[in-house]
Amino acid sequence: MQIEKGQKLLFIGDSITDCERTKPEGEGSFGGLGKGYVSLVDAFLQAAYPELGIRVVNKGISGHTVRHLKGRWQEDVIDQKPDWLSIMIGINDVWRQYDIPFIKEKHVYLEEYEETLRKLVTETKPFVKGLVLMTPFYLESNEQDPMRRTMDQYGQIVRKIAEETNSPVVDTQSAFKHILNHLYPAALAWDRVHPSTAGHMILAKSFLNAIGFNWERLKD
């Protein structure tokens, strides 16, 4: 596995990352990491690699866009001095264009999204040992659905920046594809955005695969 002993792994994003984590610091006490994929990643790391003592921190904030991340980047990322950083942002950047279409000042369009995310990644990468990008997703199997189509465009930007910066990328939309072949989207997320525990398990598994997690260590 790529994360080494005593290293600090920080997750930043929106409500999918937040998931009721402790404020202002999402770590420590029971429930400190929230109820989502971040807590599951931490649980798997502790169960499989207890000797590494990896410190996991959750800095997700519900409702945030990449514009919000830019405003709090210094305090919530740089000042935290993480060894590894995971970024998953973009769902609200897209969603606001559909659920509040007339309040355009809250919309983060593709050009701003790409420019801001690229700047955050390129300026931060020299200060961390590893950086993982996770695409935004919309749990709708119909690829012609307008919001799904837009979300896929934002996901493509994430993959593009990951390739440019030689960063691992987690294609979350693709990760959900298999289960969406068997379950109606509302069974996995009532609003097609906020996933059930099963959905968060898929996110956690996909992230762990991206960092070389050895699942064999859980068999003993």
Protein backbone atom coordinates (compact mmCIF):
# COMPACT_ATOMS: atom_id res chain seq x y z
CA MET A 1 0.00 0.00 0.00
CA GLN A 2 1.20 3.48 -0.86
CA ILE A 3 0.38 5.27 2.41
CA GLU A 4 3.16 4.71 4.92
CA LYS A 5 3.50 4.44 8.67
CA GLY A 6 2.44 7.48 10.67
CA GLN A 7 1.24 9.44 7.67
CA LYS A 8 -1.77 11.77 7.68
CA LEU A 9 -4.55 11.28 5.13
CA LEU A 10 -6.94 14.21 4.67
CA PHE A 11 -10.24 14.11 2.78
CA ILE A 12 -11.90 17.29 1.55
CA GLY A 13 -15.17 17.77 -0.30
CA ASP A 14 -18.89 18.37 0.10
CA SER A 15 -21.70 16.58 1.96
CA ILE A 16 -20.71 13.18 0.59
CA THR A 17 -17.40 13.58 2.39
CA ASP A 18 -18.79 15.52 5.38
CA CYS A 19 -21.50 12.99 6.29
CA GLU A 20 -22.09 14.53 9.76
CA ARG A 21 -18.43 14.63 10.75
CA THR A 22 -17.30 16.54 13.84
CA LYS A 23 -16.72 20.29 13.41
CA PRO A 24 -14.30 22.00 13.22
CA GLU A 25 -11.94 19.01 13.18
CA GLY A 26 -13.30 15.82 11.70
CA GLU A 27 -11.26 13.22 13.51
CA GLY A 28 -10.62 11.66 16.87
CA SER A 29 -13.66 10.67 18.91
CA PHE A 30 -16.19 8.05 17.86
CA GLY A 31 -18.19 9.53 15.00
CA GLY A 32 -15.59 12.23 14.42
CA LEU A 33 -15.08 11.15 10.81
CA GLY A 34 -18.80 11.08 10.06
CA LYS A 35 -20.94 8.23 8.78
CA GLY A 36 -19.72 7.91 5.21
CA TYR A 37 -16.90 6.62 3.07
CA VAL A 38 -14.22 8.47 5.04
CA SER A 39 -15.06 6.56 8.20
CA LEU A 40 -15.13 3.31 6.23
CA VAL A 41 -11.69 4.00 4.76
CA ASP A 42 -10.39 4.65 8.26
CA ALA A 43 -11.99 1.44 9.53
CA PHE A 44 -10.43 -0.66 6.78
CA LEU A 45 -7.01 0.92 7.32
CA GLN A 46 -7.15 0.25 11.06
CA ALA A 47 -8.39 -3.31 10.57
CA ALA A 48 -5.88 -4.27 7.88
CA TYR A 49 -2.89 -2.09 8.78
CA PRO A 50 -3.06 -1.36 12.53
CA GLU A 51 0.72 -1.21 12.75
CA LEU A 52 0.86 1.80 10.41
CA GLY A 53 -1.11 4.16 12.66
CA ILE A 54 -2.45 6.18 9.73
CA ARG A 55 -4.19 9.38 10.84
CA VAL A 56 -7.38 10.17 8.90
CA VAL A 57 -8.96 13.65 8.90
CA ASN A 58 -12.29 14.66 7.37
CA LYS A 59 -12.62 18.24 6.09
CA GLY A 60 -15.78 17.85 4.02
CA ILE A 61 -18.48 20.53 4.37
CA SER A 62 -22.04 20.00 3.18
CA GLY A 63 -23.16 22.18 0.30
CA HIS A 64 -19.69 23.21 -0.79
CA THR A 65 -18.45 23.71 -4.33
CA VAL A 66 -14.91 24.08 -5.66
CA ARG A 67 -15.35 27.81 -5.12
CA HIS A 68 -15.84 27.19 -1.39
CA LEU A 69 -12.80 24.91 -1.32
CA LYS A 70 -10.67 27.66 -2.77
CA GLY A 71 -11.76 30.01 0.02
CA ARG A 72 -10.82 27.61 2.83
CA TRP A 73 -7.89 25.81 1.23
CA GLN A 74 -5.14 27.41 3.29
CA GLU A 75 -6.77 26.61 6.64
CA ASP A 76 -8.32 23.26 5.84
CA VAL A 77 -5.57 21.76 3.69
CA ILE A 78 -2.23 23.57 3.66
CA ASP A 79 -2.17 24.39 7.37
CA GLN A 80 -3.12 20.79 8.18
CA LYS A 81 0.10 19.55 6.55
CA PRO A 82 -1.30 16.24 5.28
CA ASP A 83 0.94 13.61 3.74
CA TRP A 84 -1.88 12.41 1.52
CA LEU A 85 -4.85 14.39 0.21
CA SER A 86 -8.09 13.21 -1.38
CA ILE A 87 -10.37 15.68 -3.19
CA MET A 88 -13.94 14.92 -4.25
CA ILE A 89 -15.85 18.02 -5.32
CA GLY A 90 -18.26 18.99 -8.09
CA ILE A 91 -21.65 17.59 -7.18
CA ASN A 92 -23.00 20.91 -5.93
CA ASP A 93 -21.22 22.78 -8.72
CA VAL A 94 -23.52 20.86 -11.07
CA TRP A 95 -26.59 20.39 -8.86
CA ARG A 96 -27.12 24.10 -8.21
CA GLN A 97 -27.53 24.57 -11.96
CA TYR A 98 -30.56 22.27 -11.81
CA ASP A 99 -32.22 22.70 -8.41
CA ILE A 100 -31.91 26.52 -8.31
CA PRO A 101 -31.58 27.35 -12.02
CA PHE A 102 -32.45 31.04 -11.64
CA ILE A 103 -29.94 31.84 -8.86
CA LYS A 104 -27.00 31.92 -11.20
CA GLU A 105 -24.51 33.41 -8.77
CA LYS A 106 -24.49 30.05 -6.97
CA HIS A 107 -23.64 28.15 -10.16
CA VAL A 108 -20.08 27.02 -10.80
CA TYR A 109 -19.77 26.44 -14.51
CA LEU A 110 -17.30 24.15 -16.21
CA GLU A 111 -14.62 26.75 -17.00
CA GLU A 112 -14.42 28.03 -13.41
CA TYR A 113 -14.52 24.48 -12.06
CA GLU A 114 -11.62 23.37 -14.23
CA GLU A 115 -9.51 26.46 -13.61
CA THR A 116 -10.02 26.39 -9.83
CA LEU A 117 -9.51 22.66 -9.36
CA ARG A 118 -6.39 22.63 -11.52
CA LYS A 119 -4.92 25.54 -9.54
CA LEU A 120 -5.61 23.85 -6.19
CA VAL A 121 -4.12 20.56 -7.35
CA THR A 122 -1.01 21.95 -9.04
CA GLU A 123 -0.19 24.33 -6.20
CA THR A 124 -0.71 21.69 -3.49
CA LYS A 125 0.89 18.64 -5.05
CA PRO A 126 4.49 19.67 -4.25
CA PHE A 127 3.61 19.77 -0.55
CA VAL A 128 2.08 16.28 -0.25
CA LYS A 129 3.42 12.79 -0.81
CA GLY A 130 0.25 11.67 -2.56
CA LEU A 131 -2.90 13.25 -3.98
CA VAL A 132 -5.99 11.34 -5.09
CA LEU A 133 -8.74 12.91 -7.22
CA MET A 134 -12.26 11.49 -7.05
CA THR A 135 -14.82 12.40 -9.70
CA PRO A 136 -18.24 13.78 -8.78
CA PHE A 137 -21.18 11.48 -9.56
CA TYR A 138 -24.93 11.39 -10.11
CA LEU A 139 -26.66 8.09 -9.43
CA GLU A 140 -28.72 8.04 -12.60
CA SER A 141 -28.17 5.18 -15.04
CA ASN A 142 -29.67 7.12 -17.96
CA GLU A 143 -26.60 8.80 -19.45
CA GLN A 144 -28.85 11.16 -21.46
CA ASP A 145 -30.43 12.62 -18.32
CA PRO A 146 -29.45 16.33 -18.37
CA MET A 147 -27.86 16.40 -14.91
CA ARG A 148 -26.08 13.09 -15.47
CA ARG A 149 -24.74 14.37 -18.77
CA THR A 150 -23.42 17.55 -17.12
CA MET A 151 -21.94 15.59 -14.21
CA ASP A 152 -20.06 13.39 -16.67
CA GLN A 153 -18.49 16.53 -18.18
CA TYR A 154 -17.23 17.60 -14.75
CA GLY A 155 -15.95 14.08 -14.13
CA GLN A 156 -14.02 14.26 -17.39
CA ILE A 157 -12.32 17.44 -16.13
CA VAL A 158 -11.21 15.59 -12.98
CA ARG A 159 -9.76 12.75 -15.03
CA LYS A 160 -8.02 15.26 -17.28
CA ILE A 161 -6.38 17.08 -14.35
CA ALA A 162 -5.41 13.75 -12.80
CA GLU A 163 -3.66 12.76 -16.02
CA GLU A 164 -1.93 16.14 -16.33
CA THR A 165 -0.60 15.96 -12.78
CA ASN A 166 0.11 12.22 -12.71
CA SER A 167 -2.33 11.74 -9.84
CA PRO A 168 -4.39 8.64 -9.02
CA VAL A 169 -8.03 9.10 -9.95
CA VAL A 170 -11.16 7.36 -8.66
CA ASP A 171 -13.90 7.32 -11.29
CA THR A 172 -16.82 7.12 -8.89
CA GLN A 173 -19.45 7.20 -11.64
CA SER A 174 -17.95 4.09 -13.20
CA ALA A 175 -17.66 2.48 -9.76
CA PHE A 176 -21.44 2.72 -9.36
CA LYS A 177 -22.21 1.31 -12.79
CA HIS A 178 -22.38 -2.36 -11.80
CA ILE A 179 -24.76 -1.84 -8.89
CA LEU A 180 -26.97 0.46 -10.98
CA ASN A 181 -27.42 -2.43 -13.41
CA HIS A 182 -29.25 -4.25 -10.62
CA LEU A 183 -30.77 -1.54 -8.41
CA TYR A 184 -33.02 1.40 -9.20
CA PRO A 185 -31.05 4.57 -8.37
CA ALA A 186 -33.44 5.63 -5.60
CA ALA A 187 -32.62 2.40 -3.76
CA LEU A 188 -29.02 3.58 -3.51
CA ALA A 189 -29.66 7.31 -3.02
CA TRP A 190 -33.13 8.79 -2.51
CA ASP A 191 -32.08 12.00 -4.29
CA ARG A 192 -29.53 10.29 -6.57
CA VAL A 193 -26.77 12.21 -4.76
CA HIS A 194 -26.51 11.17 -1.11
CA PRO A 195 -25.76 7.43 -1.11
CA SER A 196 -26.75 4.75 1.35
CA THR A 197 -24.18 2.84 3.37
CA ALA A 198 -23.80 0.50 0.40
CA GLY A 199 -23.00 3.50 -1.79
CA HIS A 200 -20.44 4.78 0.66
CA MET A 201 -18.92 1.29 0.77
CA ILE A 202 -18.42 1.47 -3.00
CA LEU A 203 -16.69 4.85 -2.63
CA ALA A 204 -14.44 3.54 0.16
CA LYS A 205 -13.52 0.40 -1.78
CA SER A 206 -12.73 2.43 -4.91
CA PHE A 207 -10.52 4.84 -2.98
CA LEU A 208 -8.65 2.02 -1.24
CA ASN A 209 -8.04 0.28 -4.55
CA ALA A 210 -6.51 3.51 -5.88
CA ILE A 211 -3.91 3.56 -3.09
CA GLY A 212 -2.97 -0.11 -3.39
CA PHE A 213 -4.88 -1.50 -0.38
CA ASN A 214 -4.18 -5.21 0.06
CA TRP A 215 -7.53 -6.91 0.68
CA GLU A 216 -5.78 -10.17 1.50
CA ARG A 217 -4.82 -8.68 4.87
CA LEU A 218 -8.47 -8.89 5.95
CA LYS A 219 -8.70 -12.65 5.42
CA ASP A 220 -6.95 -13.77 8.62
